[in-house]
Amino acid sequence: MKSSIKLIVAGAAIAAGAALAFAAPVAENWENHCTKCHGADGKGQTKAGKKLQVKDYTDAKVQADMKDAEMIKATADGIFDKAGKEKMKAYKDELSAAEIKELVAYIRKFKS
């Protein structure tokens, strides 16, 4: 019985380690999921960013107005306009909670 428990614990530890090993670095997640609209520099001056009127993350006032919890929720659940049309897709199925928190920290570094 004890050896069965040890095997289960060891298997769970290996699975958890494997999941962490596949997490992409935050810069890679930014590049893959965010730059099309927000730009590599976070200014939002891309064609899509201008159309959607995304915020300039280098602006200190914009950064001060944004709360981490709101940013996490927006990234996880997406953003919709008043008519219910999607402005930003949800990433909760593609990124882990830790990866989403890392993106928020990454965005904070854009502040001038």
N, C-alpha and C. Protein backbone atom coordinates (compact mmCIF):
# COMPACT_ATOMS: atom_id res chain seq x y z
N MET A 1 0.82 -1.19 0.00
CA MET A 1 0.00 0.00 0.00
C MET A 1 0.86 1.26 0.00
N LYS A 2 1.93 1.28 0.83
CA LYS A 2 2.79 2.45 0.90
C LYS A 2 3.47 2.71 -0.44
N SER A 3 3.88 1.64 -1.12
CA SER A 3 4.56 1.83 -2.41
C SER A 3 3.59 2.38 -3.45
N SER A 4 2.30 2.03 -3.37
CA SER A 4 1.30 2.57 -4.29
C SER A 4 1.15 4.06 -4.10
N ILE A 5 1.12 4.48 -2.84
CA ILE A 5 0.99 5.91 -2.54
C ILE A 5 2.22 6.66 -3.04
N LYS A 6 3.39 6.07 -2.84
CA LYS A 6 4.62 6.71 -3.31
C LYS A 6 4.60 6.85 -4.83
N LEU A 7 4.11 5.84 -5.52
CA LEU A 7 4.04 5.90 -6.99
C LEU A 7 3.06 6.98 -7.44
N ILE A 8 1.94 7.09 -6.76
CA ILE A 8 0.96 8.11 -7.12
C ILE A 8 1.54 9.51 -6.90
N VAL A 9 2.19 9.70 -5.76
CA VAL A 9 2.80 10.99 -5.46
C VAL A 9 3.91 11.31 -6.47
N ALA A 10 4.72 10.33 -6.77
CA ALA A 10 5.81 10.53 -7.74
C ALA A 10 5.23 10.86 -9.12
N GLY A 11 4.19 10.16 -9.51
CA GLY A 11 3.56 10.43 -10.80
C GLY A 11 2.98 11.83 -10.87
N ALA A 12 2.34 12.26 -9.79
CA ALA A 12 1.78 13.60 -9.74
C ALA A 12 2.88 14.66 -9.82
N ALA A 13 3.99 14.42 -9.14
CA ALA A 13 5.11 15.36 -9.17
C ALA A 13 5.70 15.45 -10.57
N ILE A 14 5.82 14.34 -11.24
CA ILE A 14 6.35 14.33 -12.61
C ILE A 14 5.40 15.07 -13.54
N ALA A 15 4.11 14.83 -13.40
CA ALA A 15 3.12 15.51 -14.25
C ALA A 15 3.16 17.02 -14.02
N ALA A 16 3.25 17.43 -12.77
CA ALA A 16 3.30 18.86 -12.46
C ALA A 16 4.57 19.49 -13.04
N GLY A 17 5.67 18.81 -12.92
CA GLY A 17 6.92 19.31 -13.48
C GLY A 17 6.86 19.41 -14.99
N ALA A 18 6.25 18.43 -15.62
CA ALA A 18 6.11 18.46 -17.08
C ALA A 18 5.24 19.64 -17.51
N ALA A 19 4.17 19.91 -16.78
CA ALA A 19 3.30 21.03 -17.12
C ALA A 19 4.05 22.35 -17.01
N LEU A 20 4.86 22.49 -15.99
CA LEU A 20 5.65 23.71 -15.83
C LEU A 20 6.70 23.84 -16.92
N ALA A 21 7.24 22.73 -17.36
CA ALA A 21 8.27 22.76 -18.39
C ALA A 21 7.70 23.26 -19.72
N PHE A 22 6.40 23.08 -19.95
CA PHE A 22 5.80 23.48 -21.21
C PHE A 22 5.27 24.91 -21.18
N ALA A 23 5.30 25.55 -20.04
CA ALA A 23 4.86 26.94 -19.96
C ALA A 23 5.84 27.81 -20.75
N ALA A 24 5.29 28.63 -21.62
CA ALA A 24 6.14 29.48 -22.45
C ALA A 24 6.65 30.67 -21.64
N PRO A 25 7.83 31.17 -21.98
CA PRO A 25 8.32 32.38 -21.32
C PRO A 25 7.37 33.55 -21.60
N VAL A 26 7.29 34.48 -20.67
CA VAL A 26 6.33 35.59 -20.78
C VAL A 26 6.55 36.40 -22.06
N ALA A 27 7.79 36.64 -22.45
CA ALA A 27 8.04 37.41 -23.68
C ALA A 27 7.51 36.67 -24.90
N GLU A 28 7.61 35.36 -24.89
CA GLU A 28 7.08 34.56 -25.99
C GLU A 28 5.55 34.63 -26.01
N ASN A 29 4.92 34.56 -24.84
CA ASN A 29 3.46 34.69 -24.78
C ASN A 29 3.02 36.07 -25.26
N TRP A 30 3.75 37.11 -24.86
CA TRP A 30 3.43 38.46 -25.33
C TRP A 30 3.50 38.51 -26.85
N GLU A 31 4.58 37.99 -27.39
CA GLU A 31 4.79 38.00 -28.85
C GLU A 31 3.68 37.22 -29.56
N ASN A 32 3.34 36.06 -29.05
CA ASN A 32 2.38 35.18 -29.71
C ASN A 32 0.93 35.63 -29.57
N HIS A 33 0.60 36.26 -28.45
CA HIS A 33 -0.81 36.54 -28.18
C HIS A 33 -1.18 38.02 -28.14
N CYS A 34 -0.21 38.90 -27.98
CA CYS A 34 -0.55 40.30 -27.66
C CYS A 34 -0.06 41.33 -28.67
N THR A 35 1.04 41.07 -29.34
CA THR A 35 1.67 42.11 -30.17
C THR A 35 0.85 42.52 -31.38
N LYS A 36 0.00 41.64 -31.89
CA LYS A 36 -0.80 42.00 -33.07
C LYS A 36 -1.60 43.27 -32.79
N CYS A 37 -2.12 43.39 -31.59
CA CYS A 37 -2.91 44.58 -31.24
C CYS A 37 -2.12 45.58 -30.41
N HIS A 38 -1.41 45.10 -29.41
CA HIS A 38 -0.74 45.98 -28.46
C HIS A 38 0.65 46.42 -28.90
N GLY A 39 1.20 45.75 -29.90
CA GLY A 39 2.53 46.08 -30.39
C GLY A 39 3.62 45.52 -29.51
N ALA A 40 4.78 45.32 -30.07
CA ALA A 40 5.91 44.78 -29.31
C ALA A 40 6.29 45.72 -28.17
N ASP A 41 6.07 47.02 -28.37
CA ASP A 41 6.45 48.02 -27.37
C ASP A 41 5.31 48.38 -26.41
N GLY A 42 4.12 47.81 -26.59
CA GLY A 42 2.99 48.07 -25.70
C GLY A 42 2.25 49.37 -25.97
N LYS A 43 2.59 50.07 -27.05
CA LYS A 43 1.96 51.37 -27.33
C LYS A 43 0.62 51.23 -28.05
N GLY A 44 0.34 50.07 -28.61
CA GLY A 44 -0.93 49.86 -29.29
C GLY A 44 -1.04 50.53 -30.63
N GLN A 45 0.08 50.88 -31.24
CA GLN A 45 0.07 51.60 -32.51
C GLN A 45 0.11 50.68 -33.72
N THR A 46 -0.48 49.52 -33.59
CA THR A 46 -0.59 48.60 -34.72
C THR A 46 -1.90 48.91 -35.45
N LYS A 47 -2.08 48.35 -36.63
CA LYS A 47 -3.32 48.56 -37.37
C LYS A 47 -4.52 48.08 -36.54
N ALA A 48 -4.41 46.88 -35.98
CA ALA A 48 -5.50 46.34 -35.15
C ALA A 48 -5.66 47.13 -33.86
N GLY A 49 -4.55 47.53 -33.25
CA GLY A 49 -4.61 48.30 -32.01
C GLY A 49 -5.30 49.63 -32.18
N LYS A 50 -5.01 50.31 -33.29
CA LYS A 50 -5.65 51.59 -33.56
C LYS A 50 -7.14 51.40 -33.80
N LYS A 51 -7.50 50.37 -34.53
CA LYS A 51 -8.91 50.10 -34.82
C LYS A 51 -9.69 49.82 -33.53
N LEU A 52 -9.07 49.06 -32.63
CA LEU A 52 -9.72 48.70 -31.37
C LEU A 52 -9.53 49.74 -30.27
N GLN A 53 -8.71 50.75 -30.55
CA GLN A 53 -8.41 51.81 -29.60
C GLN A 53 -7.86 51.24 -28.28
N VAL A 54 -6.84 50.37 -28.41
CA VAL A 54 -6.25 49.77 -27.22
C VAL A 54 -5.43 50.83 -26.48
N LYS A 55 -5.22 50.57 -25.22
CA LYS A 55 -4.50 51.51 -24.36
C LYS A 55 -3.00 51.48 -24.63
N ASP A 56 -2.37 52.61 -24.40
CA ASP A 56 -0.91 52.74 -24.51
C ASP A 56 -0.31 52.36 -23.16
N TYR A 57 0.28 51.18 -23.08
CA TYR A 57 0.82 50.68 -21.81
C TYR A 57 2.09 51.39 -21.38
N THR A 58 2.62 52.28 -22.22
CA THR A 58 3.80 53.04 -21.80
C THR A 58 3.39 54.31 -21.06
N ASP A 59 2.12 54.65 -21.09
CA ASP A 59 1.58 55.85 -20.44
C ASP A 59 1.40 55.59 -18.95
N ALA A 60 2.05 56.38 -18.12
CA ALA A 60 2.00 56.20 -16.66
C ALA A 60 0.57 56.34 -16.12
N LYS A 61 -0.22 57.24 -16.69
CA LYS A 61 -1.61 57.41 -16.23
C LYS A 61 -2.44 56.17 -16.56
N VAL A 62 -2.26 55.64 -17.75
CA VAL A 62 -2.96 54.40 -18.13
C VAL A 62 -2.60 53.30 -17.16
N GLN A 63 -1.32 53.17 -16.87
CA GLN A 63 -0.86 52.13 -15.94
C GLN A 63 -1.45 52.34 -14.55
N ALA A 64 -1.51 53.58 -14.10
CA ALA A 64 -2.04 53.86 -12.76
C ALA A 64 -3.53 53.52 -12.66
N ASP A 65 -4.25 53.70 -13.76
CA ASP A 65 -5.68 53.43 -13.78
C ASP A 65 -6.00 51.94 -13.88
N MET A 66 -5.05 51.14 -14.33
CA MET A 66 -5.29 49.70 -14.50
C MET A 66 -4.97 48.97 -13.20
N LYS A 67 -5.88 48.14 -12.77
CA LYS A 67 -5.69 47.30 -11.58
C LYS A 67 -5.30 45.90 -12.03
N ASP A 68 -4.37 45.28 -11.32
CA ASP A 68 -3.91 43.94 -11.69
C ASP A 68 -5.06 42.95 -11.82
N ALA A 69 -5.98 42.97 -10.86
CA ALA A 69 -7.10 42.02 -10.89
C ALA A 69 -7.95 42.21 -12.14
N GLU A 70 -8.16 43.45 -12.55
CA GLU A 70 -8.94 43.73 -13.76
C GLU A 70 -8.19 43.25 -15.00
N MET A 71 -6.88 43.43 -15.02
CA MET A 71 -6.08 42.99 -16.16
C MET A 71 -6.08 41.46 -16.26
N ILE A 72 -5.98 40.81 -15.12
CA ILE A 72 -6.01 39.34 -15.10
C ILE A 72 -7.35 38.85 -15.62
N LYS A 73 -8.44 39.45 -15.14
CA LYS A 73 -9.78 39.05 -15.57
C LYS A 73 -9.96 39.29 -17.07
N ALA A 74 -9.52 40.44 -17.56
CA ALA A 74 -9.66 40.76 -18.98
C ALA A 74 -8.87 39.77 -19.84
N THR A 75 -7.68 39.42 -19.40
CA THR A 75 -6.86 38.48 -20.16
C THR A 75 -7.47 37.08 -20.12
N ALA A 76 -7.95 36.67 -18.98
CA ALA A 76 -8.53 35.34 -18.85
C ALA A 76 -9.87 35.22 -19.57
N ASP A 77 -10.75 36.22 -19.37
CA ASP A 77 -12.13 36.13 -19.86
C ASP A 77 -12.40 36.87 -21.16
N GLY A 78 -11.46 37.69 -21.60
CA GLY A 78 -11.66 38.47 -22.81
C GLY A 78 -12.31 39.80 -22.50
N ILE A 79 -12.43 40.64 -23.52
CA ILE A 79 -13.05 41.96 -23.40
C ILE A 79 -14.12 42.07 -24.48
N PHE A 80 -15.27 42.60 -24.08
CA PHE A 80 -16.39 42.74 -25.00
C PHE A 80 -16.89 44.18 -24.96
N ASP A 81 -17.37 44.69 -26.10
CA ASP A 81 -17.92 46.03 -26.10
C ASP A 81 -19.34 46.01 -25.53
N LYS A 82 -20.00 47.16 -25.49
CA LYS A 82 -21.33 47.27 -24.88
C LYS A 82 -22.37 46.42 -25.60
N ALA A 83 -22.15 46.18 -26.88
CA ALA A 83 -23.08 45.37 -27.67
C ALA A 83 -22.80 43.87 -27.52
N GLY A 84 -21.75 43.54 -26.76
CA GLY A 84 -21.41 42.13 -26.56
C GLY A 84 -20.45 41.56 -27.59
N LYS A 85 -19.95 42.41 -28.47
CA LYS A 85 -19.00 41.96 -29.49
C LYS A 85 -17.60 41.83 -28.87
N GLU A 86 -16.94 40.76 -29.18
CA GLU A 86 -15.60 40.50 -28.63
C GLU A 86 -14.59 41.50 -29.18
N LYS A 87 -13.88 42.16 -28.27
CA LYS A 87 -12.79 43.07 -28.64
C LYS A 87 -11.44 42.39 -28.43
N MET A 88 -11.37 41.53 -27.40
CA MET A 88 -10.16 40.75 -27.13
C MET A 88 -10.60 39.36 -26.70
N LYS A 89 -10.00 38.36 -27.31
CA LYS A 89 -10.38 36.99 -26.98
C LYS A 89 -9.92 36.61 -25.58
N ALA A 90 -10.55 35.61 -25.03
CA ALA A 90 -10.18 35.07 -23.72
C ALA A 90 -8.99 34.13 -23.89
N TYR A 91 -8.10 34.17 -22.92
CA TYR A 91 -6.91 33.32 -22.99
C TYR A 91 -6.85 32.27 -21.88
N LYS A 92 -7.93 32.14 -21.10
CA LYS A 92 -7.91 31.19 -19.98
C LYS A 92 -7.74 29.74 -20.43
N ASP A 93 -8.10 29.43 -21.67
CA ASP A 93 -7.93 28.07 -22.16
C ASP A 93 -6.56 27.84 -22.80
N GLU A 94 -5.82 28.92 -23.05
CA GLU A 94 -4.51 28.81 -23.69
C GLU A 94 -3.35 29.09 -22.74
N LEU A 95 -3.61 29.93 -21.73
CA LEU A 95 -2.56 30.31 -20.79
C LEU A 95 -2.96 29.91 -19.38
N SER A 96 -2.00 29.50 -18.61
CA SER A 96 -2.27 29.17 -17.21
C SER A 96 -2.47 30.45 -16.41
N ALA A 97 -3.01 30.32 -15.22
CA ALA A 97 -3.19 31.48 -14.34
C ALA A 97 -1.84 32.15 -14.07
N ALA A 98 -0.80 31.34 -13.90
CA ALA A 98 0.54 31.89 -13.66
C ALA A 98 1.04 32.66 -14.87
N GLU A 99 0.80 32.15 -16.07
CA GLU A 99 1.24 32.84 -17.29
C GLU A 99 0.50 34.17 -17.46
N ILE A 100 -0.78 34.19 -17.10
CA ILE A 100 -1.55 35.43 -17.20
C ILE A 100 -1.01 36.45 -16.21
N LYS A 101 -0.70 36.03 -15.00
CA LYS A 101 -0.11 36.95 -14.01
C LYS A 101 1.24 37.47 -14.49
N GLU A 102 2.02 36.62 -15.13
CA GLU A 102 3.31 37.04 -15.67
C GLU A 102 3.12 38.10 -16.76
N LEU A 103 2.08 37.95 -17.58
CA LEU A 103 1.80 38.95 -18.61
C LEU A 103 1.47 40.30 -17.98
N VAL A 104 0.72 40.29 -16.90
CA VAL A 104 0.39 41.54 -16.21
C VAL A 104 1.68 42.21 -15.72
N ALA A 105 2.56 41.43 -15.13
CA ALA A 105 3.84 41.98 -14.66
C ALA A 105 4.66 42.50 -15.85
N TYR A 106 4.60 41.80 -16.96
CA TYR A 106 5.32 42.20 -18.18
C TYR A 106 4.78 43.55 -18.68
N ILE A 107 3.46 43.69 -18.68
CA ILE A 107 2.83 44.94 -19.11
C ILE A 107 3.26 46.09 -18.21
N ARG A 108 3.38 45.84 -16.92
CA ARG A 108 3.78 46.88 -15.98
C ARG A 108 5.16 47.44 -16.30
N LYS A 109 6.01 46.66 -16.94
CA LYS A 109 7.37 47.10 -17.27
C LYS A 109 7.40 48.08 -18.44
N PHE A 110 6.27 48.22 -19.17
CA PHE A 110 6.22 49.16 -20.27
C PHE A 110 6.11 50.61 -19.81
N LYS A 111 5.70 50.82 -18.58
CA LYS A 111 5.45 52.18 -18.07
C LYS A 111 6.70 53.06 -18.20
N SER A 112 6.51 54.24 -18.73
CA SER A 112 7.62 55.18 -18.92
C SER A 112 8.03 55.81 -17.61
